[in-house]
PDB file of all heavy atoms in Angstrom:
ATOM      1  N   LEU A   1       0.779  -1.210   0.022  1.00  0.00           N
ATOM      2  CA  LEU A   1      -0.034   0.015   0.009  1.00  0.00           C
ATOM      3  C   LEU A   1       0.832   1.229   0.032  1.00  0.00           C
ATOM      4  O   LEU A   1       0.469   2.305  -0.451  1.00  0.00           O
ATOM      5  CB  LEU A   1      -0.933  -0.029   1.196  1.00  0.00           C
ATOM      6  CG  LEU A   1      -1.958  -1.112   1.246  1.00  0.00           C
ATOM      7  CD1 LEU A   1      -2.723  -1.130   2.518  1.00  0.00           C
ATOM      8  CD2 LEU A   1      -2.921  -1.026   0.025  1.00  0.00           C
ATOM      9  N   ALA A   2       2.030   1.150   0.529  1.00  0.00           N
ATOM     10  CA  ALA A   2       2.992   2.279   0.494  1.00  0.00           C
ATOM     11  C   ALA A   2       3.746   2.467  -0.821  1.00  0.00           C
ATOM     12  O   ALA A   2       4.490   3.423  -0.927  1.00  0.00           O
ATOM     13  CB  ALA A   2       3.977   2.162   1.669  1.00  0.00           C
ATOM     14  N   GLY A   3       3.498   1.551  -1.721  1.00  0.00           N
ATOM     15  CA  GLY A   3       4.121   1.611  -3.063  1.00  0.00           C
ATOM     16  C   GLY A   3       5.621   1.174  -3.068  1.00  0.00           C
ATOM     17  O   GLY A   3       6.295   1.411  -4.033  1.00  0.00           O
ATOM     18  N   LYS A   4       5.973   0.452  -1.980  1.00  0.00           N
ATOM     19  CA  LYS A   4       7.355  -0.029  -1.897  1.00  0.00           C
ATOM     20  C   LYS A   4       7.608  -1.326  -2.656  1.00  0.00           C
ATOM     21  O   LYS A   4       8.727  -1.586  -3.110  1.00  0.00           O
ATOM     22  CB  LYS A   4       7.770  -0.253  -0.449  1.00  0.00           C
ATOM     23  CG  LYS A   4       7.759   1.083   0.365  1.00  0.00           C
ATOM     24  CD  LYS A   4       8.160   0.841   1.805  1.00  0.00           C
ATOM     25  CE  LYS A   4       8.150   2.090   2.634  1.00  0.00           C
ATOM     26  NZ  LYS A   4       8.481   1.875   4.008  1.00  0.00           N
ATOM     27  N   VAL A   5       6.581  -2.170  -2.772  1.00  0.00           N
ATOM     28  CA  VAL A   5       6.713  -3.435  -3.478  1.00  0.00           C
ATOM     29  C   VAL A   5       5.523  -3.637  -4.391  1.00  0.00           C
ATOM     30  O   VAL A   5       4.427  -3.001  -4.121  1.00  0.00           O
ATOM     31  CB  VAL A   5       6.812  -4.624  -2.511  1.00  0.00           C
ATOM     32  CG1 VAL A   5       8.025  -4.446  -1.564  1.00  0.00           C
ATOM     33  CG2 VAL A   5       5.554  -4.818  -1.644  1.00  0.00           C
ATOM     34  N   PRO A   6       5.619  -4.430  -5.410  1.00  0.00           N
ATOM     35  CA  PRO A   6       4.454  -4.662  -6.319  1.00  0.00           C
ATOM     36  C   PRO A   6       3.553  -5.817  -5.906  1.00  0.00           C
ATOM     37  O   PRO A   6       3.940  -6.713  -5.065  1.00  0.00           O
ATOM     38  CB  PRO A   6       5.106  -4.958  -7.606  1.00  0.00           C
ATOM     39  CG  PRO A   6       6.352  -5.703  -7.205  1.00  0.00           C
ATOM     40  CD  PRO A   6       6.786  -5.096  -5.944  1.00  0.00           C
ATOM     41  N   LEU A   7       2.364  -5.795  -6.406  1.00  0.00           N
ATOM     42  CA  LEU A   7       1.495  -6.917  -6.379  1.00  0.00           C
ATOM     43  C   LEU A   7       1.678  -7.758  -7.651  1.00  0.00           C
ATOM     44  O   LEU A   7       1.313  -7.258  -8.746  1.00  0.00           O
ATOM     45  CB  LEU A   7       0.042  -6.526  -6.212  1.00  0.00           C
ATOM     46  CG  LEU A   7      -1.021  -7.606  -6.288  1.00  0.00           C
ATOM     47  CD1 LEU A   7      -0.958  -8.605  -5.111  1.00  0.00           C
ATOM     48  CD2 LEU A   7      -2.477  -7.070  -6.375  1.00  0.00           C
ATOM     49  N   THR A   8       2.270  -8.936  -7.543  1.00  0.00           N
ATOM     50  CA  THR A   8       2.402  -9.784  -8.767  1.00  0.00           C
ATOM     51  C   THR A   8       1.230 -10.622  -8.891  1.00  0.00           C
ATOM     52  O   THR A   8       1.015 -11.499  -8.025  1.00  0.00           O
ATOM     53  CB  THR A   8       3.711 -10.613  -8.713  1.00  0.00           C
ATOM     54  OG1 THR A   8       3.662 -11.441  -7.575  1.00  0.00           O
ATOM     55  CG2 THR A   8       4.937  -9.656  -8.649  1.00  0.00           C
ATOM     56  N   VAL A   9       0.330 -10.412  -9.780  1.00  0.00           N
ATOM     57  CA  VAL A   9      -0.939 -11.045  -9.825  1.00  0.00           C
ATOM     58  C   VAL A   9      -1.137 -11.895 -11.046  1.00  0.00           C
ATOM     59  O   VAL A   9      -0.831 -11.413 -12.168  1.00  0.00           O
ATOM     60  CB  VAL A   9      -2.095  -9.993  -9.678  1.00  0.00           C
ATOM     61  CG1 VAL A   9      -2.015  -8.945 -10.835  1.00  0.00           C
ATOM     62  CG2 VAL A   9      -3.483 -10.574  -9.646  1.00  0.00           C
ATOM     63  N   ARG A  10      -1.589 -13.170 -10.874  1.00  0.00           N
ATOM     64  CA  ARG A  10      -1.865 -14.015 -11.985  1.00  0.00           C
ATOM     65  C   ARG A  10      -3.157 -13.599 -12.620  1.00  0.00           C
ATOM     66  O   ARG A  10      -4.205 -13.661 -11.969  1.00  0.00           O
ATOM     67  CB  ARG A  10      -1.901 -15.426 -11.534  1.00  0.00           C
ATOM     68  CG  ARG A  10      -2.135 -16.441 -12.629  1.00  0.00           C
ATOM     69  CD  ARG A  10      -0.903 -16.550 -13.579  1.00  0.00           C
ATOM     70  NE  ARG A  10      -1.260 -17.278 -14.774  1.00  0.00           N
ATOM     71  CZ  ARG A  10      -0.480 -18.298 -15.194  1.00  0.00           C
ATOM     72  NH1 ARG A  10       0.553 -18.735 -14.543  1.00  0.00           N
ATOM     73  NH2 ARG A  10      -0.747 -18.865 -16.381  1.00  0.00           N
ATOM     74  N   ALA A  11      -3.120 -13.235 -13.884  1.00  0.00           N
ATOM     75  CA  ALA A  11      -4.341 -12.811 -14.639  1.00  0.00           C
ATOM     76  C   ALA A  11      -4.072 -13.141 -16.127  1.00  0.00           C
ATOM     77  O   ALA A  11      -3.120 -12.675 -16.694  1.00  0.00           O
ATOM     78  CB  ALA A  11      -4.637 -11.394 -14.433  1.00  0.00           C
ATOM     79  N   ASP A  12      -4.991 -13.901 -16.711  1.00  0.00           N
ATOM     80  CA  ASP A  12      -4.819 -14.263 -18.146  1.00  0.00           C
ATOM     81  C   ASP A  12      -5.930 -13.632 -19.035  1.00  0.00           C
ATOM     82  O   ASP A  12      -5.588 -13.131 -20.080  1.00  0.00           O
ATOM     83  CB  ASP A  12      -4.889 -15.790 -18.300  1.00  0.00           C
ATOM     84  CG  ASP A  12      -3.561 -16.470 -17.839  1.00  0.00           C
ATOM     85  OD1 ASP A  12      -2.551 -16.105 -18.432  1.00  0.00           O
ATOM     86  OD2 ASP A  12      -3.642 -17.379 -16.966  1.00  0.00           O
ATOM     87  N   ARG A  13      -7.136 -13.564 -18.548  1.00  0.00           N
ATOM     88  CA  ARG A  13      -8.240 -13.061 -19.368  1.00  0.00           C
ATOM     89  C   ARG A  13      -8.169 -11.536 -19.485  1.00  0.00           C
ATOM     90  O   ARG A  13      -7.753 -10.839 -18.552  1.00  0.00           O
ATOM     91  CB  ARG A  13      -9.585 -13.486 -18.773  1.00  0.00           C
ATOM     92  CG  ARG A  13     -10.701 -13.374 -19.775  1.00  0.00           C
ATOM     93  CD  ARG A  13     -11.908 -14.131 -19.307  1.00  0.00           C
ATOM     94  NE  ARG A  13     -12.830 -13.231 -18.542  1.00  0.00           N
ATOM     95  CZ  ARG A  13     -14.089 -13.555 -18.281  1.00  0.00           C
ATOM     96  NH1 ARG A  13     -14.602 -14.720 -18.705  1.00  0.00           N
ATOM     97  NH2 ARG A  13     -14.857 -12.781 -17.607  1.00  0.00           N
ATOM     98  N   GLU A  14      -8.464 -11.026 -20.647  1.00  0.00           N
ATOM     99  CA  GLU A  14      -8.452  -9.602 -20.846  1.00  0.00           C
ATOM    100  C   GLU A  14      -9.110  -8.814 -19.800  1.00  0.00           C
ATOM    101  O   GLU A  14      -8.629  -7.797 -19.263  1.00  0.00           O
ATOM    102  CB  GLU A  14      -9.009  -9.309 -22.233  1.00  0.00           C
ATOM    103  CG  GLU A  14      -9.018  -7.770 -22.583  1.00  0.00           C
ATOM    104  CD  GLU A  14      -9.761  -7.528 -23.886  1.00  0.00           C
ATOM    105  OE1 GLU A  14     -10.156  -8.436 -24.575  1.00  0.00           O
ATOM    106  OE2 GLU A  14      -9.867  -6.304 -24.211  1.00  0.00           O
ATOM    107  N   SER A  15     -10.330  -9.302 -19.417  1.00  0.00           N
ATOM    108  CA  SER A  15     -11.164  -8.477 -18.401  1.00  0.00           C
ATOM    109  C   SER A  15     -10.445  -8.458 -17.102  1.00  0.00           C
ATOM    110  O   SER A  15     -10.508  -7.483 -16.367  1.00  0.00           O
ATOM    111  CB  SER A  15     -12.567  -9.146 -18.293  1.00  0.00           C
ATOM    112  OG  SER A  15     -12.461 -10.454 -17.847  1.00  0.00           O
ATOM    113  N   ASP A  16      -9.737  -9.589 -16.710  1.00  0.00           N
ATOM    114  CA  ASP A  16      -9.026  -9.641 -15.477  1.00  0.00           C
ATOM    115  C   ASP A  16      -7.841  -8.682 -15.431  1.00  0.00           C
ATOM    116  O   ASP A  16      -7.528  -8.053 -14.474  1.00  0.00           O
ATOM    117  CB  ASP A  16      -8.543 -11.022 -15.172  1.00  0.00           C
ATOM    118  CG  ASP A  16      -9.741 -11.978 -14.895  1.00  0.00           C
ATOM    119  OD1 ASP A  16     -10.782 -11.500 -14.430  1.00  0.00           O
ATOM    120  OD2 ASP A  16      -9.553 -13.182 -15.059  1.00  0.00           O
ATOM    121  N   ILE A  17      -7.178  -8.616 -16.606  1.00  0.00           N
ATOM    122  CA  ILE A  17      -5.962  -7.720 -16.735  1.00  0.00           C
ATOM    123  C   ILE A  17      -6.454  -6.254 -16.595  1.00  0.00           C
ATOM    124  O   ILE A  17      -5.829  -5.449 -15.911  1.00  0.00           O
ATOM    125  CB  ILE A  17      -5.263  -8.035 -18.068  1.00  0.00           C
ATOM    126  CG1 ILE A  17      -4.659  -9.427 -18.050  1.00  0.00           C
ATOM    127  CG2 ILE A  17      -4.201  -6.946 -18.265  1.00  0.00           C
ATOM    128  CD1 ILE A  17      -4.203  -9.917 -19.344  1.00  0.00           C
ATOM    129  N   VAL A  18      -7.543  -5.946 -17.314  1.00  0.00           N
ATOM    130  CA  VAL A  18      -8.098  -4.579 -17.174  1.00  0.00           C
ATOM    131  C   VAL A  18      -8.487  -4.246 -15.787  1.00  0.00           C
ATOM    132  O   VAL A  18      -8.249  -3.136 -15.281  1.00  0.00           O
ATOM    133  CB  VAL A  18      -9.253  -4.339 -18.167  1.00  0.00           C
ATOM    134  CG1 VAL A  18     -10.001  -3.117 -17.902  1.00  0.00           C
ATOM    135  CG2 VAL A  18      -8.849  -4.515 -19.619  1.00  0.00           C
ATOM    136  N   ALA A  19      -9.075  -5.279 -15.076  1.00  0.00           N
ATOM    137  CA  ALA A  19      -9.494  -5.065 -13.696  1.00  0.00           C
ATOM    138  C   ALA A  19      -8.239  -4.787 -12.827  1.00  0.00           C
ATOM    139  O   ALA A  19      -8.319  -3.957 -11.879  1.00  0.00           O
ATOM    140  CB  ALA A  19     -10.235  -6.284 -13.184  1.00  0.00           C
ATOM    141  N   ALA A  20      -7.149  -5.488 -13.103  1.00  0.00           N
ATOM    142  CA  ALA A  20      -5.963  -5.261 -12.310  1.00  0.00           C
ATOM    143  C   ALA A  20      -5.410  -3.873 -12.570  1.00  0.00           C
ATOM    144  O   ALA A  20      -4.913  -3.231 -11.599  1.00  0.00           O
ATOM    145  CB  ALA A  20      -4.840  -6.335 -12.772  1.00  0.00           C
ATOM    146  N   LEU A  21      -5.449  -3.414 -13.813  1.00  0.00           N
ATOM    147  CA  LEU A  21      -5.013  -2.032 -14.091  1.00  0.00           C
ATOM    148  C   LEU A  21      -5.830  -1.007 -13.346  1.00  0.00           C
ATOM    149  O   LEU A  21      -5.309  -0.062 -12.807  1.00  0.00           O
ATOM    150  CB  LEU A  21      -5.077  -1.754 -15.619  1.00  0.00           C
ATOM    151  CG  LEU A  21      -3.974  -2.588 -16.458  1.00  0.00           C
ATOM    152  CD1 LEU A  21      -4.267  -2.327 -17.945  1.00  0.00           C
ATOM    153  CD2 LEU A  21      -2.595  -2.269 -16.107  1.00  0.00           C
ATOM    154  N   ASP A  22      -7.155  -1.196 -13.410  1.00  0.00           N
ATOM    155  CA  ASP A  22      -8.025  -0.281 -12.727  1.00  0.00           C
ATOM    156  C   ASP A  22      -7.847  -0.280 -11.229  1.00  0.00           C
ATOM    157  O   ASP A  22      -7.909   0.771 -10.608  1.00  0.00           O
ATOM    158  CB  ASP A  22      -9.545  -0.597 -13.085  1.00  0.00           C
ATOM    159  CG  ASP A  22      -9.879  -0.317 -14.586  1.00  0.00           C
ATOM    160  OD1 ASP A  22      -9.049   0.406 -15.236  1.00  0.00           O
ATOM    161  OD2 ASP A  22     -10.892  -0.833 -15.060  1.00  0.00           O
ATOM    162  N   LEU A  23      -7.652  -1.482 -10.666  1.00  0.00           N
ATOM    163  CA  LEU A  23      -7.399  -1.541  -9.254  1.00  0.00           C
ATOM    164  C   LEU A  23      -6.130  -0.894  -8.850  1.00  0.00           C
ATOM    165  O   LEU A  23      -6.058  -0.127  -7.878  1.00  0.00           O
ATOM    166  CB  LEU A  23      -7.358  -3.046  -8.817  1.00  0.00           C
ATOM    167  CG  LEU A  23      -7.062  -3.329  -7.375  1.00  0.00           C
ATOM    168  CD1 LEU A  23      -8.318  -3.131  -6.572  1.00  0.00           C
ATOM    169  CD2 LEU A  23      -6.642  -4.776  -7.117  1.00  0.00           C
ATOM    170  N   ALA A  24      -5.083  -1.099  -9.643  1.00  0.00           N
ATOM    171  CA  ALA A  24      -3.848  -0.444  -9.338  1.00  0.00           C
ATOM    172  C   ALA A  24      -3.941   1.059  -9.333  1.00  0.00           C
ATOM    173  O   ALA A  24      -3.304   1.786  -8.507  1.00  0.00           O
ATOM    174  CB  ALA A  24      -2.716  -0.912 -10.358  1.00  0.00           C
ATOM    175  N   ALA A  25      -4.705   1.597 -10.277  1.00  0.00           N
ATOM    176  CA  ALA A  25      -4.896   3.068 -10.376  1.00  0.00           C
ATOM    177  C   ALA A  25      -5.680   3.554  -9.197  1.00  0.00           C
ATOM    178  O   ALA A  25      -5.377   4.554  -8.604  1.00  0.00           O
ATOM    179  CB  ALA A  25      -5.557   3.403 -11.707  1.00  0.00           C
ATOM    180  N   ALA A  26      -6.771   2.873  -8.863  1.00  0.00           N
ATOM    181  CA  ALA A  26      -7.647   3.312  -7.785  1.00  0.00           C
ATOM    182  C   ALA A  26      -6.938   3.179  -6.414  1.00  0.00           C
ATOM    183  O   ALA A  26      -7.088   4.087  -5.534  1.00  0.00           O
ATOM    184  CB  ALA A  26      -8.930   2.435  -7.744  1.00  0.00           C
ATOM    185  N   GLU A  27      -6.147   2.142  -6.180  1.00  0.00           N
ATOM    186  CA  GLU A  27      -5.573   1.916  -4.908  1.00  0.00           C
ATOM    187  C   GLU A  27      -4.135   2.501  -4.799  1.00  0.00           C
ATOM    188  O   GLU A  27      -3.499   2.462  -3.824  1.00  0.00           O
ATOM    189  CB  GLU A  27      -5.452   0.434  -4.576  1.00  0.00           C
ATOM    190  CG  GLU A  27      -6.783  -0.223  -4.582  1.00  0.00           C
ATOM    191  CD  GLU A  27      -7.567   0.135  -3.310  1.00  0.00           C
ATOM    192  OE1 GLU A  27      -6.969   0.620  -2.355  1.00  0.00           O
ATOM    193  OE2 GLU A  27      -8.808  -0.165  -3.286  1.00  0.00           O
ATOM    194  N   ARG A  28      -3.626   2.997  -5.948  1.00  0.00           N
ATOM    195  CA  ARG A  28      -2.290   3.582  -6.089  1.00  0.00           C
ATOM    196  C   ARG A  28      -1.206   2.621  -5.579  1.00  0.00           C
ATOM    197  O   ARG A  28      -0.390   2.835  -4.755  1.00  0.00           O
ATOM    198  CB  ARG A  28      -2.180   4.880  -5.216  1.00  0.00           C
ATOM    199  CG  ARG A  28      -3.058   5.982  -5.751  1.00  0.00           C
ATOM    200  CD  ARG A  28      -2.879   7.212  -4.984  1.00  0.00           C
ATOM    201  NE  ARG A  28      -3.786   8.316  -5.467  1.00  0.00           N
ATOM    202  CZ  ARG A  28      -3.832   9.526  -4.994  1.00  0.00           C
ATOM    203  NH1 ARG A  28      -3.088   9.913  -3.947  1.00  0.00           N
ATOM    204  NH2 ARG A  28      -4.673  10.433  -5.490  1.00  0.00           N
ATOM    205  N   ILE A  29      -1.297   1.434  -6.250  1.00  0.00           N
ATOM    206  CA  ILE A  29      -0.334   0.331  -5.958  1.00  0.00           C
ATOM    207  C   ILE A  29       0.351  -0.060  -7.235  1.00  0.00           C
ATOM    208  O   ILE A  29      -0.201   0.208  -8.325  1.00  0.00           O
ATOM    209  CB  ILE A  29      -0.962  -0.863  -5.262  1.00  0.00           C
ATOM    210  CG1 ILE A  29      -2.043  -1.495  -6.189  1.00  0.00           C
ATOM    211  CG2 ILE A  29      -1.537  -0.518  -3.912  1.00  0.00           C
ATOM    212  CD1 ILE A  29      -2.642  -2.781  -5.641  1.00  0.00           C
ATOM    213  N   LYS A  30       1.526  -0.651  -7.115  1.00  0.00           N
ATOM    214  CA  LYS A  30       2.241  -1.202  -8.284  1.00  0.00           C
ATOM    215  C   LYS A  30       1.661  -2.585  -8.558  1.00  0.00           C
ATOM    216  O   LYS A  30       1.348  -3.341  -7.605  1.00  0.00           O
ATOM    217  CB  LYS A  30       3.743  -1.302  -8.002  1.00  0.00           C
ATOM    218  CG  LYS A  30       4.415   0.035  -7.711  1.00  0.00           C
ATOM    219  CD  LYS A  30       5.827  -0.225  -7.402  1.00  0.00           C
ATOM    220  CE  LYS A  30       6.584   1.063  -6.958  1.00  0.00           C
ATOM    221  NZ  LYS A  30       7.987   0.867  -6.585  1.00  0.00           N
ATOM    222  N   VAL A  31       1.535  -2.926  -9.806  1.00  0.00           N
ATOM    223  CA  VAL A  31       1.063  -4.215 -10.144  1.00  0.00           C
ATOM    224  C   VAL A  31       1.919  -4.852 -11.270  1.00  0.00           C
ATOM    225  O   VAL A  31       2.382  -4.073 -12.156  1.00  0.00           O
ATOM    226  CB  VAL A  31      -0.380  -4.196 -10.557  1.00  0.00           C
ATOM    227  CG1 VAL A  31      -0.663  -3.417 -11.840  1.00  0.00           C
ATOM    228  CG2 VAL A  31      -1.043  -5.584 -10.671  1.00  0.00           C
ATOM    229  N   VAL A  32       2.143  -6.103 -11.252  1.00  0.00           N
ATOM    230  CA  VAL A  32       2.789  -6.867 -12.326  1.00  0.00           C
ATOM    231  C   VAL A  32       1.900  -7.975 -12.711  1.00  0.00           C
ATOM    232  O   VAL A  32       1.360  -8.700 -11.856  1.00  0.00           O
ATOM    233  CB  VAL A  32       4.144  -7.467 -11.840  1.00  0.00           C
ATOM    234  CG1 VAL A  32       4.806  -8.292 -12.905  1.00  0.00           C
ATOM    235  CG2 VAL A  32       5.049  -6.330 -11.351  1.00  0.00           C
ATOM    236  N   ILE A  33       1.609  -8.151 -14.048  1.00  0.00           N
ATOM    237  CA  ILE A  33       0.820  -9.184 -14.521  1.00  0.00           C
ATOM    238  C   ILE A  33       1.618 -10.443 -14.808  1.00  0.00           C
ATOM    239  O   ILE A  33       2.575 -10.367 -15.511  1.00  0.00           O
ATOM    240  CB  ILE A  33       0.058  -8.705 -15.851  1.00  0.00           C
ATOM    241  CG1 ILE A  33      -0.661  -7.434 -15.641  1.00  0.00           C
ATOM    242  CG2 ILE A  33      -0.811  -9.888 -16.343  1.00  0.00           C
ATOM    243  CD1 ILE A  33      -1.770  -7.548 -14.570  1.00  0.00           C
ATOM    244  N   LEU A  34       1.148 -11.531 -14.186  1.00  0.00           N
ATOM    245  CA  LEU A  34       1.781 -12.842 -14.487  1.00  0.00           C
ATOM    246  C   LEU A  34       0.830 -13.688 -15.392  1.00  0.00           C
ATOM    247  O   LEU A  34      -0.352 -13.656 -15.163  1.00  0.00           O
ATOM    248  CB  LEU A  34       1.993 -13.581 -13.186  1.00  0.00           C
ATOM    249  CG  LEU A  34       2.828 -12.958 -12.082  1.00  0.00           C
ATOM    250  CD1 LEU A  34       2.794 -13.716 -10.806  1.00  0.00           C
ATOM    251  CD2 LEU A  34       4.296 -12.797 -12.545  1.00  0.00           C
ATOM    252  N   GLY A  35       1.421 -14.363 -16.321  1.00  0.00           N
ATOM    253  CA  GLY A  35       0.651 -15.117 -17.274  1.00  0.00           C
ATOM    254  C   GLY A  35       0.280 -14.340 -18.473  1.00  0.00           C
ATOM    255  O   GLY A  35       0.808 -14.462 -19.573  1.00  0.00           O
ATOM    256  N   GLY A  36      -0.669 -13.488 -18.316  1.00  0.00           N
ATOM    257  CA  GLY A  36      -1.039 -12.484 -19.337  1.00  0.00           C
ATOM    258  C   GLY A  36      -1.344 -13.018 -20.723  1.00  0.00           C
ATOM    259  O   GLY A  36      -0.902 -12.486 -21.761  1.00  0.00           O
ATOM    260  N   ALA A  37      -2.077 -14.119 -20.790  1.00  0.00           N
ATOM    261  CA  ALA A  37      -2.284 -14.788 -22.021  1.00  0.00           C
ATOM    262  C   ALA A  37      -2.970 -13.883 -23.059  1.00  0.00           C
ATOM    263  O   ALA A  37      -2.664 -13.891 -24.269  1.00  0.00           O
ATOM    264  CB  ALA A  37      -3.194 -16.093 -21.845  1.00  0.00           C
ATOM    265  N   GLU A  38      -3.888 -13.039 -22.577  1.00  0.00           N
ATOM    266  CA  GLU A  38      -4.588 -12.079 -23.478  1.00  0.00           C
ATOM    267  C   GLU A  38      -4.108 -10.604 -23.280  1.00  0.00           C
ATOM    268  O   GLU A  38      -4.779  -9.715 -23.706  1.00  0.00           O
ATOM    269  CB  GLU A  38      -6.117 -12.209 -23.224  1.00  0.00           C
ATOM    270  CG  GLU A  38      -6.636 -13.591 -23.581  1.00  0.00           C
ATOM    271  CD  GLU A  38      -8.136 -13.661 -23.520  1.00  0.00           C
ATOM    272  OE1 GLU A  38      -8.784 -12.761 -22.915  1.00  0.00           O
ATOM    273  OE2 GLU A  38      -8.732 -14.668 -24.017  1.00  0.00           O
ATOM    274  N   ALA A  39      -2.952 -10.521 -22.739  1.00  0.00           N
ATOM    275  CA  ALA A  39      -2.434  -9.102 -22.381  1.00  0.00           C
ATOM    276  C   ALA A  39      -2.219  -8.347 -23.686  1.00  0.00           C
ATOM    277  O   ALA A  39      -2.343  -7.085 -23.718  1.00  0.00           O
ATOM    278  CB  ALA A  39      -1.145  -9.174 -21.635  1.00  0.00           C
ATOM    279  N   TRP A  40      -1.907  -9.086 -24.798  1.00  0.00           N
ATOM    280  CA  TRP A  40      -1.629  -8.396 -26.096  1.00  0.00           C
ATOM    281  C   TRP A  40      -2.808  -7.574 -26.568  1.00  0.00           C
ATOM    282  O   TRP A  40      -2.625  -6.616 -27.293  1.00  0.00           O
ATOM    283  CB  TRP A  40      -1.211  -9.370 -27.116  1.00  0.00           C
ATOM    284  CG  TRP A  40      -2.210 -10.507 -27.457  1.00  0.00           C
ATOM    285  CD1 TRP A  40      -2.399 -11.707 -26.774  1.00  0.00           C
ATOM    286  CD2 TRP A  40      -3.244 -10.418 -28.397  1.00  0.00           C
ATOM    287  NE1 TRP A  40      -3.444 -12.367 -27.269  1.00  0.00           N
ATOM    288  CE2 TRP A  40      -3.995 -11.638 -28.282  1.00  0.00           C
ATOM    289  CE3 TRP A  40      -3.622  -9.525 -29.360  1.00  0.00           C
ATOM    290  CZ2 TRP A  40      -5.069 -11.949 -29.072  1.00  0.00           C
ATOM    291  CZ3 TRP A  40      -4.721  -9.754 -30.172  1.00  0.00           C
ATOM    292  CH2 TRP A  40      -5.433 -10.995 -30.044  1.00  0.00           C
ATOM    293  N   ARG A  41      -3.983  -7.978 -26.102  1.00  0.00           N
ATOM    294  CA  ARG A  41      -5.209  -7.305 -26.510  1.00  0.00           C
ATOM    295  C   ARG A  41      -5.322  -5.861 -25.901  1.00  0.00           C
ATOM    296  O   ARG A  41      -6.055  -5.033 -26.422  1.00  0.00           O
ATOM    297  CB  ARG A  41      -6.458  -8.102 -26.173  1.00  0.00           C
ATOM    298  CG  ARG A  41      -6.621  -9.304 -27.000  1.00  0.00           C
ATOM    299  CD  ARG A  41      -7.813 -10.163 -26.608  1.00  0.00           C
ATOM    300  NE  ARG A  41      -8.097 -11.158 -27.597  1.00  0.00           N
ATOM    301  CZ  ARG A  41      -8.933 -12.194 -27.446  1.00  0.00           C
ATOM    302  NH1 ARG A  41      -9.518 -12.401 -26.278  1.00  0.00           N
ATOM    303  NH2 ARG A  41      -9.148 -13.073 -28.373  1.00  0.00           N
ATOM    304  N   VAL A  42      -4.673  -5.625 -24.770  1.00  0.00           N
ATOM    305  CA  VAL A  42      -4.610  -4.372 -24.144  1.00  0.00           C
ATOM    306  C   VAL A  42      -3.213  -3.875 -23.963  1.00  0.00           C
ATOM    307  O   VAL A  42      -2.831  -3.184 -23.034  1.00  0.00           O
ATOM    308  CB  VAL A  42      -5.324  -4.443 -22.723  1.00  0.00           C
ATOM    309  CG1 VAL A  42      -6.781  -4.592 -22.870  1.00  0.00           C
ATOM    310  CG2 VAL A  42      -4.729  -5.529 -21.867  1.00  0.00           C
ATOM    311  N   ALA A  43      -2.350  -4.155 -25.011  1.00  0.00           N
ATOM    312  CA  ALA A  43      -0.947  -3.814 -24.958  1.00  0.00           C
ATOM    313  C   ALA A  43      -0.757  -2.286 -24.824  1.00  0.00           C
ATOM    314  O   ALA A  43       0.136  -1.821 -24.071  1.00  0.00           O
ATOM    315  CB  ALA A  43      -0.223  -4.230 -26.254  1.00  0.00           C
TER     316      ALA A  43
END
């Protein structure tokens, strides 16, 4: 929560990746996507 370390989150579906991005922006945290099978769709 202090922005010192990231949340490395497993997310493959496009909607889950978008949700992770929105959560990171709202909570002001760092996020890293693991897996990211459909990440290319929101590159």
